[in-house]
Amino acid sequence: MKSFTYTVQDELGLHARPAGLLAKLAAGCTSTITIDNGTKKADAKRLMAIMSMGVKKGHTVTVTVEGDNEEADFETVEKFFKENL
């Protein structure tokens, strides 16, 4: 299991566009990817679960990647957060 913490920089937070892209990216990964904002946890493969978290600019989330391909999936997801959020 690998995890990283990220503070959202996007002015609109984790809104529909990046949430949709993240869910699509996560769906292509074999690992289980979980986002935790301190009060809620969401499966990154489920768009509505991500959206229901209400992550805004300045919020910090912990992303956990666990599975057989976690190293590659971790790098992919971490890169996504840095480039899109």
PDB file of N, CA and C in Angstrom:
ATOM      1  N   MET A   1       0.847  -1.176   0.000  1.00  0.00           N
ATOM      2  CA  MET A   1       0.000   0.000   0.000  1.00  0.00           C
ATOM      3  C   MET A   1       0.890   1.236   0.000  1.00  0.00           C
ATOM      4  N   LYS A   2       0.542   2.177  -0.878  1.00  0.00           N
ATOM      5  CA  LYS A   2       1.263   3.443  -0.951  1.00  0.00           C
ATOM      6  C   LYS A   2       0.243   4.564  -0.856  1.00  0.00           C
ATOM      7  N   SER A   3       0.657   5.681  -0.273  1.00  0.00           N
ATOM      8  CA  SER A   3      -0.257   6.814  -0.194  1.00  0.00           C
ATOM      9  C   SER A   3       0.513   8.120  -0.264  1.00  0.00           C
ATOM     10  N   PHE A   4      -0.198   9.168  -0.634  1.00  0.00           N
ATOM     11  CA  PHE A   4       0.371  10.509  -0.642  1.00  0.00           C
ATOM     12  C   PHE A   4      -0.712  11.487  -0.215  1.00  0.00           C
ATOM     13  N   THR A   5      -0.268  12.632   0.276  1.00  0.00           N
ATOM     14  CA  THR A   5      -1.176  13.695   0.689  1.00  0.00           C
ATOM     15  C   THR A   5      -1.029  14.834  -0.301  1.00  0.00           C
ATOM     16  N   TYR A   6      -2.158  15.422  -0.680  1.00  0.00           N
ATOM     17  CA  TYR A   6      -2.122  16.500  -1.665  1.00  0.00           C
ATOM     18  C   TYR A   6      -3.102  17.596  -1.260  1.00  0.00           C
ATOM     19  N   THR A   7      -2.658  18.852  -1.364  1.00  0.00           N
ATOM     20  CA  THR A   7      -3.520  19.998  -1.111  1.00  0.00           C
ATOM     21  C   THR A   7      -3.986  20.536  -2.458  1.00  0.00           C
ATOM     22  N   VAL A   8      -5.286  20.573  -2.658  1.00  0.00           N
ATOM     23  CA  VAL A   8      -5.873  20.967  -3.941  1.00  0.00           C
ATOM     24  C   VAL A   8      -5.582  22.436  -4.231  1.00  0.00           C
ATOM     25  N   GLN A   9      -5.050  22.704  -5.433  1.00  0.00           N
ATOM     26  CA  GLN A   9      -4.682  24.047  -5.857  1.00  0.00           C
ATOM     27  C   GLN A   9      -5.691  24.657  -6.831  1.00  0.00           C
ATOM     28  N   ASP A  10      -6.462  23.828  -7.513  1.00  0.00           N
ATOM     29  CA  ASP A  10      -7.418  24.296  -8.517  1.00  0.00           C
ATOM     30  C   ASP A  10      -8.440  25.224  -7.872  1.00  0.00           C
ATOM     31  N   GLU A  11      -8.698  26.358  -8.509  1.00  0.00           N
ATOM     32  CA  GLU A  11      -9.629  27.357  -7.974  1.00  0.00           C
ATOM     33  C   GLU A  11     -11.018  26.785  -7.692  1.00  0.00           C
ATOM     34  N   LEU A  12     -11.445  25.820  -8.504  1.00  0.00           N
ATOM     35  CA  LEU A  12     -12.781  25.247  -8.354  1.00  0.00           C
ATOM     36  C   LEU A  12     -12.791  23.963  -7.538  1.00  0.00           C
ATOM     37  N   GLY A  13     -11.624  23.548  -7.062  1.00  0.00           N
ATOM     38  CA  GLY A  13     -11.538  22.319  -6.278  1.00  0.00           C
ATOM     39  C   GLY A  13     -11.643  21.088  -7.156  1.00  0.00           C
ATOM     40  N   LEU A  14     -12.074  20.010  -6.557  1.00  0.00           N
ATOM     41  CA  LEU A  14     -12.226  18.739  -7.278  1.00  0.00           C
ATOM     42  C   LEU A  14     -13.641  18.706  -7.851  1.00  0.00           C
ATOM     43  N   HIS A  15     -13.857  19.492  -8.911  1.00  0.00           N
ATOM     44  CA  HIS A  15     -15.176  19.633  -9.526  1.00  0.00           C
ATOM     45  C   HIS A  15     -15.381  18.593 -10.630  1.00  0.00           C
ATOM     46  N   ALA A  16     -16.455  18.713 -11.378  1.00  0.00           N
ATOM     47  CA  ALA A  16     -16.887  17.677 -12.327  1.00  0.00           C
ATOM     48  C   ALA A  16     -15.833  17.272 -13.355  1.00  0.00           C
ATOM     49  N   ARG A  17     -15.178  18.238 -13.996  1.00  0.00           N
ATOM     50  CA  ARG A  17     -14.222  17.883 -15.044  1.00  0.00           C
ATOM     51  C   ARG A  17     -13.065  17.050 -14.516  1.00  0.00           C
ATOM     52  N   PRO A  18     -12.308  17.537 -13.515  1.00  0.00           N
ATOM     53  CA  PRO A  18     -11.202  16.704 -13.033  1.00  0.00           C
ATOM     54  C   PRO A  18     -11.676  15.429 -12.329  1.00  0.00           C
ATOM     55  N   ALA A  19     -12.838  15.479 -11.693  1.00  0.00           N
ATOM     56  CA  ALA A  19     -13.362  14.270 -11.040  1.00  0.00           C
ATOM     57  C   ALA A  19     -13.669  13.201 -12.083  1.00  0.00           C
ATOM     58  N   GLY A  20     -14.239  13.613 -13.209  1.00  0.00           N
ATOM     59  CA  GLY A  20     -14.529  12.676 -14.292  1.00  0.00           C
ATOM     60  C   GLY A  20     -13.265  12.093 -14.888  1.00  0.00           C
ATOM     61  N   LEU A  21     -12.270  12.953 -15.082  1.00  0.00           N
ATOM     62  CA  LEU A  21     -10.987  12.480 -15.614  1.00  0.00           C
ATOM     63  C   LEU A  21     -10.315  11.519 -14.639  1.00  0.00           C
ATOM     64  N   LEU A  22     -10.394  11.837 -13.352  1.00  0.00           N
ATOM     65  CA  LEU A  22      -9.796  10.975 -12.336  1.00  0.00           C
ATOM     66  C   LEU A  22     -10.492   9.615 -12.294  1.00  0.00           C
ATOM     67  N   ALA A  23     -11.811   9.608 -12.343  1.00  0.00           N
ATOM     68  CA  ALA A  23     -12.554   8.347 -12.316  1.00  0.00           C
ATOM     69  C   ALA A  23     -12.209   7.490 -13.529  1.00  0.00           C
ATOM     70  N   LYS A  24     -12.072   8.130 -14.683  1.00  0.00           N
ATOM     71  CA  LYS A  24     -11.711   7.400 -15.902  1.00  0.00           C
ATOM     72  C   LYS A  24     -10.301   6.835 -15.789  1.00  0.00           C
ATOM     73  N   LEU A  25      -9.383   7.637 -15.279  1.00  0.00           N
ATOM     74  CA  LEU A  25      -8.002   7.195 -15.090  1.00  0.00           C
ATOM     75  C   LEU A  25      -7.955   6.030 -14.106  1.00  0.00           C
ATOM     76  N   ALA A  26      -8.648   6.170 -12.986  1.00  0.00           N
ATOM     77  CA  ALA A  26      -8.656   5.129 -11.953  1.00  0.00           C
ATOM     78  C   ALA A  26      -9.281   3.835 -12.468  1.00  0.00           C
ATOM     79  N   ALA A  27     -10.294   3.953 -13.319  1.00  0.00           N
ATOM     80  CA  ALA A  27     -10.950   2.766 -13.873  1.00  0.00           C
ATOM     81  C   ALA A  27      -9.983   1.945 -14.717  1.00  0.00           C
ATOM     82  N   GLY A  28      -8.981   2.598 -15.273  1.00  0.00           N
ATOM     83  CA  GLY A  28      -7.983   1.899 -16.071  1.00  0.00           C
ATOM     84  C   GLY A  28      -6.873   1.275 -15.244  1.00  0.00           C
ATOM     85  N   CYS A  29      -6.890   1.507 -13.949  1.00  0.00           N
ATOM     86  CA  CYS A  29      -5.877   0.953 -13.049  1.00  0.00           C
ATOM     87  C   CYS A  29      -6.403  -0.337 -12.418  1.00  0.00           C
ATOM     88  N   THR A  30      -5.505  -1.258 -12.149  1.00  0.00           N
ATOM     89  CA  THR A  30      -5.917  -2.511 -11.513  1.00  0.00           C
ATOM     90  C   THR A  30      -5.939  -2.410  -9.990  1.00  0.00           C
ATOM     91  N   SER A  31      -5.263  -1.413  -9.449  1.00  0.00           N
ATOM     92  CA  SER A  31      -5.209  -1.232  -7.994  1.00  0.00           C
ATOM     93  C   SER A  31      -6.488  -0.586  -7.472  1.00  0.00           C
ATOM     94  N   THR A  32      -6.713  -0.721  -6.174  1.00  0.00           N
ATOM     95  CA  THR A  32      -7.792  -0.018  -5.494  1.00  0.00           C
ATOM     96  C   THR A  32      -7.260   1.355  -5.121  1.00  0.00           C
ATOM     97  N   ILE A  33      -7.963   2.408  -5.520  1.00  0.00           N
ATOM     98  CA  ILE A  33      -7.524   3.778  -5.263  1.00  0.00           C
ATOM     99  C   ILE A  33      -8.602   4.461  -4.433  1.00  0.00           C
ATOM    100  N   THR A  34      -8.200   4.956  -3.262  1.00  0.00           N
ATOM    101  CA  THR A  34      -9.137   5.569  -2.328  1.00  0.00           C
ATOM    102  C   THR A  34      -8.707   6.998  -2.034  1.00  0.00           C
ATOM    103  N   ILE A  35      -9.681   7.910  -1.987  1.00  0.00           N
ATOM    104  CA  ILE A  35      -9.430   9.305  -1.633  1.00  0.00           C
ATOM    105  C   ILE A  35     -10.092   9.552  -0.284  1.00  0.00           C
ATOM    106  N   ASP A  36      -9.351  10.161   0.638  1.00  0.00           N
ATOM    107  CA  ASP A  36      -9.851  10.436   1.987  1.00  0.00           C
ATOM    108  C   ASP A  36      -9.657  11.923   2.274  1.00  0.00           C
ATOM    109  N   ASN A  37     -10.742  12.634   2.581  1.00  0.00           N
ATOM    110  CA  ASN A  37     -10.619  14.063   2.883  1.00  0.00           C
ATOM    111  C   ASN A  37     -10.677  14.344   4.386  1.00  0.00           C
ATOM    112  N   GLY A  38     -10.594  13.299   5.183  1.00  0.00           N
ATOM    113  CA  GLY A  38     -10.632  13.465   6.633  1.00  0.00           C
ATOM    114  C   GLY A  38     -11.998  13.181   7.228  1.00  0.00           C
ATOM    115  N   THR A  39     -13.048  13.382   6.440  1.00  0.00           N
ATOM    116  CA  THR A  39     -14.395  13.083   6.915  1.00  0.00           C
ATOM    117  C   THR A  39     -15.089  12.029   6.061  1.00  0.00           C
ATOM    118  N   LYS A  40     -14.699  11.939   4.795  1.00  0.00           N
ATOM    119  CA  LYS A  40     -15.290  10.954   3.883  1.00  0.00           C
ATOM    120  C   LYS A  40     -14.192  10.251   3.105  1.00  0.00           C
ATOM    121  N   LYS A  41     -14.480   9.012   2.719  1.00  0.00           N
ATOM    122  CA  LYS A  41     -13.589   8.265   1.838  1.00  0.00           C
ATOM    123  C   LYS A  41     -14.370   7.933   0.577  1.00  0.00           C
ATOM    124  N   ALA A  42     -13.658   7.913  -0.562  1.00  0.00           N
ATOM    125  CA  ALA A  42     -14.321   7.601  -1.826  1.00  0.00           C
ATOM    126  C   ALA A  42     -13.445   6.703  -2.676  1.00  0.00           C
ATOM    127  N   ASP A  43     -14.094   5.787  -3.378  1.00  0.00           N
ATOM    128  CA  ASP A  43     -13.440   4.959  -4.381  1.00  0.00           C
ATOM    129  C   ASP A  43     -13.209   5.865  -5.585  1.00  0.00           C
ATOM    130  N   ALA A  44     -11.957   6.018  -6.000  1.00  0.00           N
ATOM    131  CA  ALA A  44     -11.625   6.929  -7.095  1.00  0.00           C
ATOM    132  C   ALA A  44     -12.196   6.479  -8.431  1.00  0.00           C
ATOM    133  N   LYS A  45     -12.711   5.270  -8.512  1.00  0.00           N
ATOM    134  CA  LYS A  45     -13.306   4.777  -9.759  1.00  0.00           C
ATOM    135  C   LYS A  45     -14.778   5.180  -9.878  1.00  0.00           C
ATOM    136  N   ARG A  46     -15.321   5.793  -8.828  1.00  0.00           N
ATOM    137  CA  ARG A  46     -16.742   6.169  -8.799  1.00  0.00           C
ATOM    138  C   ARG A  46     -16.899   7.688  -8.787  1.00  0.00           C
ATOM    139  N   LEU A  47     -17.302   8.234  -9.926  1.00  0.00           N
ATOM    140  CA  LEU A  47     -17.427   9.676 -10.098  1.00  0.00           C
ATOM    141  C   LEU A  47     -18.309  10.321  -9.030  1.00  0.00           C
ATOM    142  N   MET A  48     -19.477   9.771  -8.790  1.00  0.00           N
ATOM    143  CA  MET A  48     -20.391  10.384  -7.828  1.00  0.00           C
ATOM    144  C   MET A  48     -19.829  10.346  -6.406  1.00  0.00           C
ATOM    145  N   ALA A  49     -19.076   9.323  -6.089  1.00  0.00           N
ATOM    146  CA  ALA A  49     -18.445   9.247  -4.765  1.00  0.00           C
ATOM    147  C   ALA A  49     -17.415  10.362  -4.611  1.00  0.00           C
ATOM    148  N   ILE A  50     -16.655  10.609  -5.669  1.00  0.00           N
ATOM    149  CA  ILE A  50     -15.656  11.689  -5.637  1.00  0.00           C
ATOM    150  C   ILE A  50     -16.361  13.032  -5.482  1.00  0.00           C
ATOM    151  N   MET A  51     -17.393  13.260  -6.291  1.00  0.00           N
ATOM    152  CA  MET A  51     -18.109  14.534  -6.264  1.00  0.00           C
ATOM    153  C   MET A  51     -18.761  14.792  -4.900  1.00  0.00           C
ATOM    154  N   SER A  52     -19.251  13.741  -4.255  1.00  0.00           N
ATOM    155  CA  SER A  52     -19.947  13.906  -2.973  1.00  0.00           C
ATOM    156  C   SER A  52     -19.015  14.322  -1.841  1.00  0.00           C
ATOM    157  N   MET A  53     -17.717  14.218  -2.062  1.00  0.00           N
ATOM    158  CA  MET A  53     -16.764  14.604  -1.022  1.00  0.00           C
ATOM    159  C   MET A  53     -16.702  16.115  -0.829  1.00  0.00           C
ATOM    160  N   GLY A  54     -17.026  16.881  -1.864  1.00  0.00           N
ATOM    161  CA  GLY A  54     -17.028  18.336  -1.755  1.00  0.00           C
ATOM    162  C   GLY A  54     -15.652  18.935  -1.522  1.00  0.00           C
ATOM    163  N   VAL A  55     -14.639  18.423  -2.198  1.00  0.00           N
ATOM    164  CA  VAL A  55     -13.267  18.904  -2.007  1.00  0.00           C
ATOM    165  C   VAL A  55     -13.088  20.245  -2.715  1.00  0.00           C
ATOM    166  N   LYS A  56     -12.693  21.258  -1.965  1.00  0.00           N
ATOM    167  CA  LYS A  56     -12.502  22.619  -2.477  1.00  0.00           C
ATOM    168  C   LYS A  56     -11.016  22.975  -2.494  1.00  0.00           C
ATOM    169  N   LYS A  57     -10.717  24.123  -3.106  1.00  0.00           N
ATOM    170  CA  LYS A  57      -9.338  24.614  -3.115  1.00  0.00           C
ATOM    171  C   LYS A  57      -8.854  24.765  -1.677  1.00  0.00           C
ATOM    172  N   GLY A  58      -7.628  24.301  -1.429  1.00  0.00           N
ATOM    173  CA  GLY A  58      -7.040  24.392  -0.105  1.00  0.00           C
ATOM    174  C   GLY A  58      -7.282  23.172   0.767  1.00  0.00           C
ATOM    175  N   HIS A  59      -8.230  22.330   0.382  1.00  0.00           N
ATOM    176  CA  HIS A  59      -8.480  21.096   1.135  1.00  0.00           C
ATOM    177  C   HIS A  59      -7.357  20.100   0.869  1.00  0.00           C
ATOM    178  N   THR A  60      -7.016  19.347   1.887  1.00  0.00           N
ATOM    179  CA  THR A  60      -5.983  18.322   1.764  1.00  0.00           C
ATOM    180  C   THR A  60      -6.645  16.955   1.752  1.00  0.00           C
ATOM    181  N   VAL A  61      -6.225  16.137   0.791  1.00  0.00           N
ATOM    182  CA  VAL A  61      -6.744  14.775   0.685  1.00  0.00           C
ATOM    183  C   VAL A  61      -5.585  13.791   0.763  1.00  0.00           C
ATOM    184  N   THR A  62      -5.883  12.597   1.227  1.00  0.00           N
ATOM    185  CA  THR A  62      -4.909  11.512   1.233  1.00  0.00           C
ATOM    186  C   THR A  62      -5.384  10.486   0.219  1.00  0.00           C
ATOM    187  N   VAL A  63      -4.498  10.148  -0.699  1.00  0.00           N
ATOM    188  CA  VAL A  63      -4.818   9.179  -1.747  1.00  0.00           C
ATOM    189  C   VAL A  63      -4.035   7.904  -1.458  1.00  0.00           C
ATOM    190  N   THR A  64      -4.744   6.784  -1.406  1.00  0.00           N
ATOM    191  CA  THR A  64      -4.127   5.492  -1.119  1.00  0.00           C
ATOM    192  C   THR A  64      -4.303   4.578  -2.322  1.00  0.00           C
ATOM    193  N   VAL A  65      -3.210   3.914  -2.692  1.00  0.00           N
ATOM    194  CA  VAL A  65      -3.216   2.982  -3.821  1.00  0.00           C
ATOM    195  C   VAL A  65      -2.758   1.629  -3.299  1.00  0.00           C
ATOM    196  N   GLU A  66      -3.571   0.597  -3.556  1.00  0.00           N
ATOM    197  CA  GLU A  66      -3.239  -0.730  -3.056  1.00  0.00           C
ATOM    198  C   GLU A  66      -3.613  -1.777  -4.099  1.00  0.00           C
ATOM    199  N   GLY A  67      -2.643  -2.646  -4.406  1.00  0.00           N
ATOM    200  CA  GLY A  67      -2.917  -3.713  -5.366  1.00  0.00           C
ATOM    201  C   GLY A  67      -1.648  -4.259  -5.986  1.00  0.00           C
ATOM    202  N   ASP A  68      -1.825  -5.187  -6.912  1.00  0.00           N
ATOM    203  CA  ASP A  68      -0.686  -5.848  -7.546  1.00  0.00           C
ATOM    204  C   ASP A  68       0.170  -4.901  -8.374  1.00  0.00           C
ATOM    205  N   ASN A  69      -0.447  -3.863  -8.929  1.00  0.00           N
ATOM    206  CA  ASN A  69       0.271  -2.926  -9.793  1.00  0.00           C
ATOM    207  C   ASN A  69       0.364  -1.546  -9.131  1.00  0.00           C
ATOM    208  N   GLU A  70       0.439  -1.535  -7.806  1.00  0.00           N
ATOM    209  CA  GLU A  70       0.336  -0.271  -7.074  1.00  0.00           C
ATOM    210  C   GLU A  70       1.447   0.718  -7.388  1.00  0.00           C
ATOM    211  N   GLU A  71       2.641   0.252  -7.676  1.00  0.00           N
ATOM    212  CA  GLU A  71       3.748   1.178  -7.954  1.00  0.00           C
ATOM    213  C   GLU A  71       3.445   2.034  -9.183  1.00  0.00           C
ATOM    214  N   ALA A  72       3.089   1.390 -10.283  1.00  0.00           N
ATOM    215  CA  ALA A  72       2.784   2.116 -11.523  1.00  0.00           C
ATOM    216  C   ALA A  72       1.509   2.943 -11.370  1.00  0.00           C
ATOM    217  N   ASP A  73       0.486   2.371 -10.750  1.00  0.00           N
ATOM    218  CA  ASP A  73      -0.770   3.096 -10.559  1.00  0.00           C
ATOM    219  C   ASP A  73      -0.565   4.301  -9.645  1.00  0.00           C
ATOM    220  N   PHE A  74       0.258   4.152  -8.616  1.00  0.00           N
ATOM    221  CA  PHE A  74       0.571   5.254  -7.701  1.00  0.00           C
ATOM    222  C   PHE A  74       1.186   6.418  -8.470  1.00  0.00           C
ATOM    223  N   GLU A  75       2.184   6.125  -9.294  1.00  0.00           N
ATOM    224  CA  GLU A  75       2.848   7.178 -10.076  1.00  0.00           C
ATOM    225  C   GLU A  75       1.871   7.868 -11.014  1.00  0.00           C
ATOM    226  N   THR A  76       0.997   7.101 -11.644  1.00  0.00           N
ATOM    227  CA  THR A  76       0.006   7.655 -12.569  1.00  0.00           C
ATOM    228  C   THR A  76      -0.954   8.597 -11.849  1.00  0.00           C
ATOM    229  N   VAL A  77      -1.470   8.169 -10.709  1.00  0.00           N
ATOM    230  CA  VAL A  77      -2.446   8.972  -9.965  1.00  0.00           C
ATOM    231  C   VAL A  77      -1.787  10.205  -9.351  1.00  0.00           C
ATOM    232  N   GLU A  78      -0.596  10.046  -8.808  1.00  0.00           N
ATOM    233  CA  GLU A  78       0.103  11.196  -8.220  1.00  0.00           C
ATOM    234  C   GLU A  78       0.381  12.250  -9.287  1.00  0.00           C
ATOM    235  N   LYS A  79       0.798  11.820 -10.459  1.00  0.00           N
ATOM    236  CA  LYS A  79       1.054  12.743 -11.575  1.00  0.00           C
ATOM    237  C   LYS A  79      -0.234  13.471 -11.959  1.00  0.00           C
ATOM    238  N   PHE A  80      -1.343  12.750 -12.005  1.00  0.00           N
ATOM    239  CA  PHE A  80      -2.631  13.364 -12.332  1.00  0.00           C
ATOM    240  C   PHE A  80      -2.962  14.491 -11.353  1.00  0.00           C
ATOM    241  N   PHE A  81      -2.826  14.232 -10.064  1.00  0.00           N
ATOM    242  CA  PHE A  81      -3.137  15.251  -9.064  1.00  0.00           C
ATOM    243  C   PHE A  81      -2.259  16.483  -9.245  1.00  0.00           C
ATOM    244  N   LYS A  82      -0.981  16.279  -9.450  1.00  0.00           N
ATOM    245  CA  LYS A  82      -0.056  17.405  -9.598  1.00  0.00           C
ATOM    246  C   LYS A  82      -0.340  18.227 -10.852  1.00  0.00           C
ATOM    247  N   GLU A  83      -0.767  17.571 -11.925  1.00  0.00           N
ATOM    248  CA  GLU A  83      -0.996  18.270 -13.190  1.00  0.00           C
ATOM    249  C   GLU A  83      -2.400  18.846 -13.334  1.00  0.00           C
ATOM    250  N   ASN A  84      -3.369  18.308 -12.615  1.00  0.00           N
ATOM    251  CA  ASN A  84      -4.763  18.705 -12.826  1.00  0.00           C
ATOM    252  C   ASN A  84      -5.461  19.338 -11.635  1.00  0.00           C
ATOM    253  N   LEU A  85      -4.868  19.237 -10.464  1.00  0.00           N
ATOM    254  CA  LEU A  85      -5.538  19.768  -9.282  1.00  0.00           C
ATOM    255  C   LEU A  85      -4.616  20.649  -8.463  1.00  0.00           C
TER     256      LEU A  85
END
